[in-house]
PDB file of all heavy atoms in Angstrom:
ATOM      1  N   VAL A   1      -4.449  -8.654 -28.332  1.00  0.00           N
ATOM      2  CA  VAL A   1      -3.516  -9.569 -28.994  1.00  0.00           C
ATOM      3  C   VAL A   1      -4.137 -10.961 -29.037  1.00  0.00           C
ATOM      4  O   VAL A   1      -4.735 -11.411 -28.062  1.00  0.00           O
ATOM      5  CB  VAL A   1      -2.166  -9.617 -28.239  1.00  0.00           C
ATOM      6  CG1 VAL A   1      -1.221 -10.619 -28.859  1.00  0.00           C
ATOM      7  CG2 VAL A   1      -1.538  -8.238 -28.176  1.00  0.00           C
ATOM      8  N   THR A   2      -3.990 -11.643 -30.165  1.00  0.00           N
ATOM      9  CA  THR A   2      -4.435 -13.029 -30.302  1.00  0.00           C
ATOM     10  C   THR A   2      -3.200 -13.909 -30.419  1.00  0.00           C
ATOM     11  O   THR A   2      -2.258 -13.575 -31.138  1.00  0.00           O
ATOM     12  CB  THR A   2      -5.311 -13.207 -31.560  1.00  0.00           C
ATOM     13  OG1 THR A   2      -6.455 -12.354 -31.434  1.00  0.00           O
ATOM     14  CG2 THR A   2      -5.766 -14.646 -31.706  1.00  0.00           C
ATOM     15  N   PHE A   3      -3.180 -15.000 -29.695  1.00  0.00           N
ATOM     16  CA  PHE A   3      -2.024 -15.895 -29.711  1.00  0.00           C
ATOM     17  C   PHE A   3      -2.483 -17.322 -29.480  1.00  0.00           C
ATOM     18  O   PHE A   3      -3.581 -17.551 -28.987  1.00  0.00           O
ATOM     19  CB  PHE A   3      -0.990 -15.477 -28.666  1.00  0.00           C
ATOM     20  CG  PHE A   3      -1.557 -15.379 -27.273  1.00  0.00           C
ATOM     21  CD1 PHE A   3      -1.506 -16.455 -26.413  1.00  0.00           C
ATOM     22  CD2 PHE A   3      -2.163 -14.205 -26.852  1.00  0.00           C
ATOM     23  CE1 PHE A   3      -2.047 -16.362 -25.146  1.00  0.00           C
ATOM     24  CE2 PHE A   3      -2.703 -14.116 -25.570  1.00  0.00           C
ATOM     25  CZ  PHE A   3      -2.640 -15.194 -24.731  1.00  0.00           C
ATOM     26  N   GLU A   4      -1.641 -18.272 -29.859  1.00  0.00           N
ATOM     27  CA  GLU A   4      -1.939 -19.685 -29.655  1.00  0.00           C
ATOM     28  C   GLU A   4      -1.080 -20.238 -28.530  1.00  0.00           C
ATOM     29  O   GLU A   4       0.113 -19.936 -28.449  1.00  0.00           O
ATOM     30  CB  GLU A   4      -1.695 -20.480 -30.927  1.00  0.00           C
ATOM     31  CG  GLU A   4      -2.745 -20.237 -31.978  1.00  0.00           C
ATOM     32  CD  GLU A   4      -2.669 -21.214 -33.131  1.00  0.00           C
ATOM     33  OE1 GLU A   4      -1.726 -22.029 -33.202  1.00  0.00           O
ATOM     34  OE2 GLU A   4      -3.579 -21.155 -33.975  1.00  0.00           O
ATOM     35  N   LEU A   5      -1.720 -21.037 -27.690  1.00  0.00           N
ATOM     36  CA  LEU A   5      -0.992 -21.782 -26.671  1.00  0.00           C
ATOM     37  C   LEU A   5      -0.831 -23.200 -27.194  1.00  0.00           C
ATOM     38  O   LEU A   5      -1.817 -23.878 -27.473  1.00  0.00           O
ATOM     39  CB  LEU A   5      -1.755 -21.813 -25.349  1.00  0.00           C
ATOM     40  CG  LEU A   5      -1.833 -20.521 -24.559  1.00  0.00           C
ATOM     41  CD1 LEU A   5      -2.600 -20.752 -23.261  1.00  0.00           C
ATOM     42  CD2 LEU A   5      -0.451 -19.982 -24.260  1.00  0.00           C
ATOM     43  N   GLU A   6       0.394 -23.615 -27.357  1.00  0.00           N
ATOM     44  CA  GLU A   6       0.716 -24.975 -27.771  1.00  0.00           C
ATOM     45  C   GLU A   6       1.188 -25.740 -26.543  1.00  0.00           C
ATOM     46  O   GLU A   6       1.406 -25.149 -25.485  1.00  0.00           O
ATOM     47  CB  GLU A   6       1.787 -24.932 -28.852  1.00  0.00           C
ATOM     48  CG  GLU A   6       1.308 -24.226 -30.114  1.00  0.00           C
ATOM     49  CD  GLU A   6       2.375 -24.158 -31.180  1.00  0.00           C
ATOM     50  OE1 GLU A   6       3.564 -24.389 -30.883  1.00  0.00           O
ATOM     51  OE2 GLU A   6       2.014 -23.866 -32.329  1.00  0.00           O
ATOM     52  N   PRO A   7       1.383 -27.050 -26.644  1.00  0.00           N
ATOM     53  CA  PRO A   7       1.844 -27.804 -25.485  1.00  0.00           C
ATOM     54  C   PRO A   7       3.106 -27.174 -24.866  1.00  0.00           C
ATOM     55  O   PRO A   7       4.005 -26.737 -25.584  1.00  0.00           O
ATOM     56  CB  PRO A   7       2.149 -29.189 -26.054  1.00  0.00           C
ATOM     57  CG  PRO A   7       1.181 -29.316 -27.190  1.00  0.00           C
ATOM     58  CD  PRO A   7       1.125 -27.923 -27.794  1.00  0.00           C
ATOM     59  N   HIS A   8       3.095 -27.080 -23.563  1.00  0.00           N
ATOM     60  CA  HIS A   8       4.179 -26.521 -22.744  1.00  0.00           C
ATOM     61  C   HIS A   8       4.257 -25.005 -22.836  1.00  0.00           C
ATOM     62  O   HIS A   8       5.266 -24.419 -22.482  1.00  0.00           O
ATOM     63  CB  HIS A   8       5.524 -27.168 -23.073  1.00  0.00           C
ATOM     64  CG  HIS A   8       5.464 -28.660 -23.076  1.00  0.00           C
ATOM     65  ND1 HIS A   8       5.230 -29.397 -21.928  1.00  0.00           N
ATOM     66  CD2 HIS A   8       5.547 -29.552 -24.082  1.00  0.00           C
ATOM     67  CE1 HIS A   8       5.191 -30.677 -22.237  1.00  0.00           C
ATOM     68  NE2 HIS A   8       5.379 -30.802 -23.541  1.00  0.00           N
ATOM     69  N   SER A   9       3.165 -24.362 -23.284  1.00  0.00           N
ATOM     70  CA  SER A   9       3.086 -22.902 -23.299  1.00  0.00           C
ATOM     71  C   SER A   9       2.437 -22.427 -22.010  1.00  0.00           C
ATOM     72  O   SER A   9       1.634 -23.123 -21.396  1.00  0.00           O
ATOM     73  CB  SER A   9       2.247 -22.410 -24.475  1.00  0.00           C
ATOM     74  OG  SER A   9       2.845 -22.721 -25.696  1.00  0.00           O
ATOM     75  N   PHE A  10       2.751 -21.199 -21.648  1.00  0.00           N
ATOM     76  CA  PHE A  10       2.273 -20.607 -20.408  1.00  0.00           C
ATOM     77  C   PHE A  10       1.686 -19.232 -20.715  1.00  0.00           C
ATOM     78  O   PHE A  10       2.233 -18.482 -21.523  1.00  0.00           O
ATOM     79  CB  PHE A  10       3.453 -20.484 -19.436  1.00  0.00           C
ATOM     80  CG  PHE A  10       3.093 -19.959 -18.094  1.00  0.00           C
ATOM     81  CD1 PHE A  10       2.502 -20.772 -17.156  1.00  0.00           C
ATOM     82  CD2 PHE A  10       3.355 -18.638 -17.770  1.00  0.00           C
ATOM     83  CE1 PHE A  10       2.170 -20.284 -15.904  1.00  0.00           C
ATOM     84  CE2 PHE A  10       3.034 -18.144 -16.519  1.00  0.00           C
ATOM     85  CZ  PHE A  10       2.433 -18.965 -15.584  1.00  0.00           C
ATOM     86  N   PHE A  11       0.580 -18.888 -20.068  1.00  0.00           N
ATOM     87  CA  PHE A  11      -0.057 -17.581 -20.230  1.00  0.00           C
ATOM     88  C   PHE A  11      -0.444 -17.072 -18.855  1.00  0.00           C
ATOM     89  O   PHE A  11      -0.999 -17.810 -18.041  1.00  0.00           O
ATOM     90  CB  PHE A  11      -1.291 -17.716 -21.121  1.00  0.00           C
ATOM     91  CG  PHE A  11      -2.224 -16.543 -21.090  1.00  0.00           C
ATOM     92  CD1 PHE A  11      -1.788 -15.276 -21.413  1.00  0.00           C
ATOM     93  CD2 PHE A  11      -3.559 -16.706 -20.759  1.00  0.00           C
ATOM     94  CE1 PHE A  11      -2.654 -14.192 -21.392  1.00  0.00           C
ATOM     95  CE2 PHE A  11      -4.433 -15.642 -20.743  1.00  0.00           C
ATOM     96  CZ  PHE A  11      -3.980 -14.383 -21.063  1.00  0.00           C
ATOM     97  N   ALA A  12      -0.137 -15.809 -18.569  1.00  0.00           N
ATOM     98  CA  ALA A  12      -0.502 -15.185 -17.300  1.00  0.00           C
ATOM     99  C   ALA A  12      -1.315 -13.929 -17.598  1.00  0.00           C
ATOM    100  O   ALA A  12      -0.840 -13.038 -18.305  1.00  0.00           O
ATOM    101  CB  ALA A  12       0.743 -14.829 -16.499  1.00  0.00           C
ATOM    102  N   ALA A  13      -2.526 -13.869 -17.081  1.00  0.00           N
ATOM    103  CA  ALA A  13      -3.383 -12.697 -17.231  1.00  0.00           C
ATOM    104  C   ALA A  13      -3.336 -11.906 -15.927  1.00  0.00           C
ATOM    105  O   ALA A  13      -3.737 -12.407 -14.881  1.00  0.00           O
ATOM    106  CB  ALA A  13      -4.814 -13.120 -17.546  1.00  0.00           C
ATOM    107  N   PRO A  14      -2.850 -10.673 -15.976  1.00  0.00           N
ATOM    108  CA  PRO A  14      -2.803  -9.867 -14.750  1.00  0.00           C
ATOM    109  C   PRO A  14      -4.210  -9.461 -14.314  1.00  0.00           C
ATOM    110  O   PRO A  14      -5.173  -9.571 -15.091  1.00  0.00           O
ATOM    111  CB  PRO A  14      -1.976  -8.650 -15.164  1.00  0.00           C
ATOM    112  CG  PRO A  14      -2.116  -8.553 -16.625  1.00  0.00           C
ATOM    113  CD  PRO A  14      -2.311  -9.953 -17.125  1.00  0.00           C
ATOM    114  N   PRO A  15      -4.357  -8.974 -13.102  1.00  0.00           N
ATOM    115  CA  PRO A  15      -5.672  -8.561 -12.621  1.00  0.00           C
ATOM    116  C   PRO A  15      -6.343  -7.565 -13.569  1.00  0.00           C
ATOM    117  O   PRO A  15      -5.692  -6.667 -14.113  1.00  0.00           O
ATOM    118  CB  PRO A  15      -5.364  -7.903 -11.276  1.00  0.00           C
ATOM    119  CG  PRO A  15      -4.100  -8.564 -10.819  1.00  0.00           C
ATOM    120  CD  PRO A  15      -3.318  -8.800 -12.080  1.00  0.00           C
ATOM    121  N   ASN A  16      -7.641  -7.776 -13.763  1.00  0.00           N
ATOM    122  CA  ASN A  16      -8.515  -6.886 -14.518  1.00  0.00           C
ATOM    123  C   ASN A  16      -8.265  -6.836 -16.020  1.00  0.00           C
ATOM    124  O   ASN A  16      -8.829  -5.979 -16.700  1.00  0.00           O
ATOM    125  CB  ASN A  16      -8.489  -5.480 -13.918  1.00  0.00           C
ATOM    126  CG  ASN A  16      -8.843  -5.512 -12.448  1.00  0.00           C
ATOM    127  OD1 ASN A  16      -9.839  -6.099 -12.060  1.00  0.00           O
ATOM    128  ND2 ASN A  16      -7.997  -4.931 -11.624  1.00  0.00           N
ATOM    129  N   LEU A  17      -7.458  -7.733 -16.571  1.00  0.00           N
ATOM    130  CA  LEU A  17      -7.260  -7.800 -18.019  1.00  0.00           C
ATOM    131  C   LEU A  17      -8.354  -8.681 -18.627  1.00  0.00           C
ATOM    132  O   LEU A  17      -8.485  -9.852 -18.248  1.00  0.00           O
ATOM    133  CB  LEU A  17      -5.889  -8.388 -18.358  1.00  0.00           C
ATOM    134  CG  LEU A  17      -5.630  -8.581 -19.855  1.00  0.00           C
ATOM    135  CD1 LEU A  17      -5.439  -7.222 -20.535  1.00  0.00           C
ATOM    136  CD2 LEU A  17      -4.425  -9.467 -20.085  1.00  0.00           C
ATOM    137  N   LEU A  18      -9.133  -8.131 -19.554  1.00  0.00           N
ATOM    138  CA  LEU A  18     -10.127  -8.945 -20.251  1.00  0.00           C
ATOM    139  C   LEU A  18      -9.408  -9.947 -21.143  1.00  0.00           C
ATOM    140  O   LEU A  18      -8.500  -9.583 -21.889  1.00  0.00           O
ATOM    141  CB  LEU A  18     -11.033  -8.061 -21.105  1.00  0.00           C
ATOM    142  CG  LEU A  18     -12.088  -7.266 -20.355  1.00  0.00           C
ATOM    143  CD1 LEU A  18     -12.816  -6.324 -21.302  1.00  0.00           C
ATOM    144  CD2 LEU A  18     -13.076  -8.192 -19.666  1.00  0.00           C
ATOM    145  N   HIS A  19      -9.810 -11.199 -21.042  1.00  0.00           N
ATOM    146  CA  HIS A  19      -9.224 -12.251 -21.866  1.00  0.00           C
ATOM    147  C   HIS A  19     -10.281 -13.310 -22.130  1.00  0.00           C
ATOM    148  O   HIS A  19     -11.277 -13.404 -21.417  1.00  0.00           O
ATOM    149  CB  HIS A  19      -7.969 -12.850 -21.198  1.00  0.00           C
ATOM    150  CG  HIS A  19      -8.201 -13.420 -19.845  1.00  0.00           C
ATOM    151  ND1 HIS A  19      -8.367 -12.631 -18.720  1.00  0.00           N
ATOM    152  CD2 HIS A  19      -8.299 -14.699 -19.412  1.00  0.00           C
ATOM    153  CE1 HIS A  19      -8.545 -13.408 -17.665  1.00  0.00           C
ATOM    154  NE2 HIS A  19      -8.519 -14.671 -18.062  1.00  0.00           N
ATOM    155  N   ARG A  20     -10.062 -14.078 -23.209  1.00  0.00           N
ATOM    156  CA  ARG A  20     -11.004 -15.131 -23.555  1.00  0.00           C
ATOM    157  C   ARG A  20     -10.335 -16.121 -24.491  1.00  0.00           C
ATOM    158  O   ARG A  20      -9.312 -15.829 -25.108  1.00  0.00           O
ATOM    159  CB  ARG A  20     -12.244 -14.570 -24.235  1.00  0.00           C
ATOM    160  CG  ARG A  20     -12.005 -14.094 -25.647  1.00  0.00           C
ATOM    161  CD  ARG A  20     -13.286 -13.550 -26.256  1.00  0.00           C
ATOM    162  NE  ARG A  20     -13.191 -13.460 -27.692  1.00  0.00           N
ATOM    163  CZ  ARG A  20     -13.758 -14.307 -28.536  1.00  0.00           C
ATOM    164  NH1 ARG A  20     -14.469 -15.318 -28.096  1.00  0.00           N
ATOM    165  NH2 ARG A  20     -13.617 -14.156 -29.834  1.00  0.00           N
ATOM    166  N   MET A  21     -10.937 -17.299 -24.580  1.00  0.00           N
ATOM    167  CA  MET A  21     -10.499 -18.253 -25.575  1.00  0.00           C
ATOM    168  C   MET A  21     -11.006 -17.723 -26.913  1.00  0.00           C
ATOM    169  O   MET A  21     -12.203 -17.510 -27.083  1.00  0.00           O
ATOM    170  CB  MET A  21     -11.046 -19.645 -25.290  1.00  0.00           C
ATOM    171  CG  MET A  21     -10.476 -20.696 -26.212  1.00  0.00           C
ATOM    172  SD  MET A  21     -11.097 -22.347 -25.825  1.00  0.00           S
ATOM    173  CE  MET A  21     -10.247 -22.658 -24.289  1.00  0.00           C
ATOM    174  N   GLY A  22     -10.118 -17.461 -27.835  1.00  0.00           N
ATOM    175  CA  GLY A  22     -10.467 -16.805 -29.096  1.00  0.00           C
ATOM    176  C   GLY A  22     -10.890 -17.784 -30.166  1.00  0.00           C
ATOM    177  O   GLY A  22     -10.123 -18.065 -31.072  1.00  0.00           O
ATOM    178  N   GLY A  23     -12.040 -18.320 -30.060  1.00  0.00           N
ATOM    179  CA  GLY A  23     -12.509 -19.311 -31.020  1.00  0.00           C
ATOM    180  C   GLY A  23     -12.367 -20.700 -30.443  1.00  0.00           C
ATOM    181  O   GLY A  23     -11.523 -20.950 -29.587  1.00  0.00           O
ATOM    182  N   ARG A  24     -13.190 -21.556 -30.882  1.00  0.00           N
ATOM    183  CA  ARG A  24     -13.174 -22.918 -30.340  1.00  0.00           C
ATOM    184  C   ARG A  24     -12.011 -23.711 -30.905  1.00  0.00           C
ATOM    185  O   ARG A  24     -11.676 -23.578 -32.077  1.00  0.00           O
ATOM    186  CB  ARG A  24     -14.493 -23.580 -30.665  1.00  0.00           C
ATOM    187  CG  ARG A  24     -15.614 -22.693 -30.147  1.00  0.00           C
ATOM    188  CD  ARG A  24     -16.716 -23.420 -29.573  1.00  0.00           C
ATOM    189  NE  ARG A  24     -17.515 -22.430 -28.852  1.00  0.00           N
ATOM    190  CZ  ARG A  24     -18.758 -22.584 -28.588  1.00  0.00           C
ATOM    191  NH1 ARG A  24     -19.362 -23.662 -28.955  1.00  0.00           N
ATOM    192  NH2 ARG A  24     -19.405 -21.673 -27.929  1.00  0.00           N
ATOM    193  N   PRO A  25     -11.380 -24.535 -30.084  1.00  0.00           N
ATOM    194  CA  PRO A  25     -10.255 -25.340 -30.573  1.00  0.00           C
ATOM    195  C   PRO A  25     -10.723 -26.370 -31.601  1.00  0.00           C
ATOM    196  O   PRO A  25     -11.895 -26.742 -31.632  1.00  0.00           O
ATOM    197  CB  PRO A  25      -9.716 -26.017 -29.319  1.00  0.00           C
ATOM    198  CG  PRO A  25     -10.798 -25.912 -28.316  1.00  0.00           C
ATOM    199  CD  PRO A  25     -11.662 -24.755 -28.682  1.00  0.00           C
ATOM    200  N   LYS A  26      -9.796 -26.811 -32.433  1.00  0.00           N
ATOM    201  CA  LYS A  26     -10.120 -27.791 -33.476  1.00  0.00           C
ATOM    202  C   LYS A  26     -10.180 -29.209 -32.931  1.00  0.00           C
ATOM    203  O   LYS A  26     -10.768 -30.084 -33.522  1.00  0.00           O
ATOM    204  CB  LYS A  26      -9.094 -27.704 -34.595  1.00  0.00           C
ATOM    205  CG  LYS A  26      -9.140 -26.379 -35.314  1.00  0.00           C
ATOM    206  CD  LYS A  26      -8.088 -26.294 -36.374  1.00  0.00           C
ATOM    207  CE  LYS A  26      -8.133 -24.912 -37.012  1.00  0.00           C
ATOM    208  NZ  LYS A  26      -7.053 -24.672 -37.909  1.00  0.00           N
ATOM    209  N   ALA A  27      -9.544 -29.442 -31.808  1.00  0.00           N
ATOM    210  CA  ALA A  27      -9.499 -30.782 -31.215  1.00  0.00           C
ATOM    211  C   ALA A  27      -9.445 -30.649 -29.694  1.00  0.00           C
ATOM    212  O   ALA A  27      -9.269 -29.551 -29.159  1.00  0.00           O
ATOM    213  CB  ALA A  27      -8.269 -31.537 -31.724  1.00  0.00           C
ATOM    214  N   LYS A  28      -9.576 -31.780 -29.024  1.00  0.00           N
ATOM    215  CA  LYS A  28      -9.481 -31.795 -27.566  1.00  0.00           C
ATOM    216  C   LYS A  28      -8.139 -31.213 -27.130  1.00  0.00           C
ATOM    217  O   LYS A  28      -7.122 -31.415 -27.789  1.00  0.00           O
ATOM    218  CB  LYS A  28      -9.621 -33.244 -27.086  1.00  0.00           C
ATOM    219  CG  LYS A  28      -9.578 -33.390 -25.584  1.00  0.00           C
ATOM    220  CD  LYS A  28      -9.921 -34.795 -25.161  1.00  0.00           C
ATOM    221  CE  LYS A  28      -8.817 -35.745 -25.526  1.00  0.00           C
ATOM    222  NZ  LYS A  28      -8.981 -37.071 -24.953  1.00  0.00           N
ATOM    223  N   HIS A  29      -8.154 -30.458 -26.044  1.00  0.00           N
ATOM    224  CA  HIS A  29      -6.903 -29.948 -25.490  1.00  0.00           C
ATOM    225  C   HIS A  29      -6.975 -30.009 -23.959  1.00  0.00           C
ATOM    226  O   HIS A  29      -8.039 -30.170 -23.378  1.00  0.00           O
ATOM    227  CB  HIS A  29      -6.580 -28.552 -26.017  1.00  0.00           C
ATOM    228  CG  HIS A  29      -7.540 -27.485 -25.595  1.00  0.00           C
ATOM    229  ND1 HIS A  29      -8.774 -27.323 -26.161  1.00  0.00           N
ATOM    230  CD2 HIS A  29      -7.442 -26.533 -24.659  1.00  0.00           C
ATOM    231  CE1 HIS A  29      -9.397 -26.303 -25.594  1.00  0.00           C
ATOM    232  NE2 HIS A  29      -8.605 -25.812 -24.674  1.00  0.00           N
TER     233      HIS A  29
END
């Protein structure tokens, strides 16, 4: 699944789940 984290968003990756930043951000975050 691909999703965006916006301000005040939360993401939790459980143990052993492959995850990555999906592309470089357009601006500082």
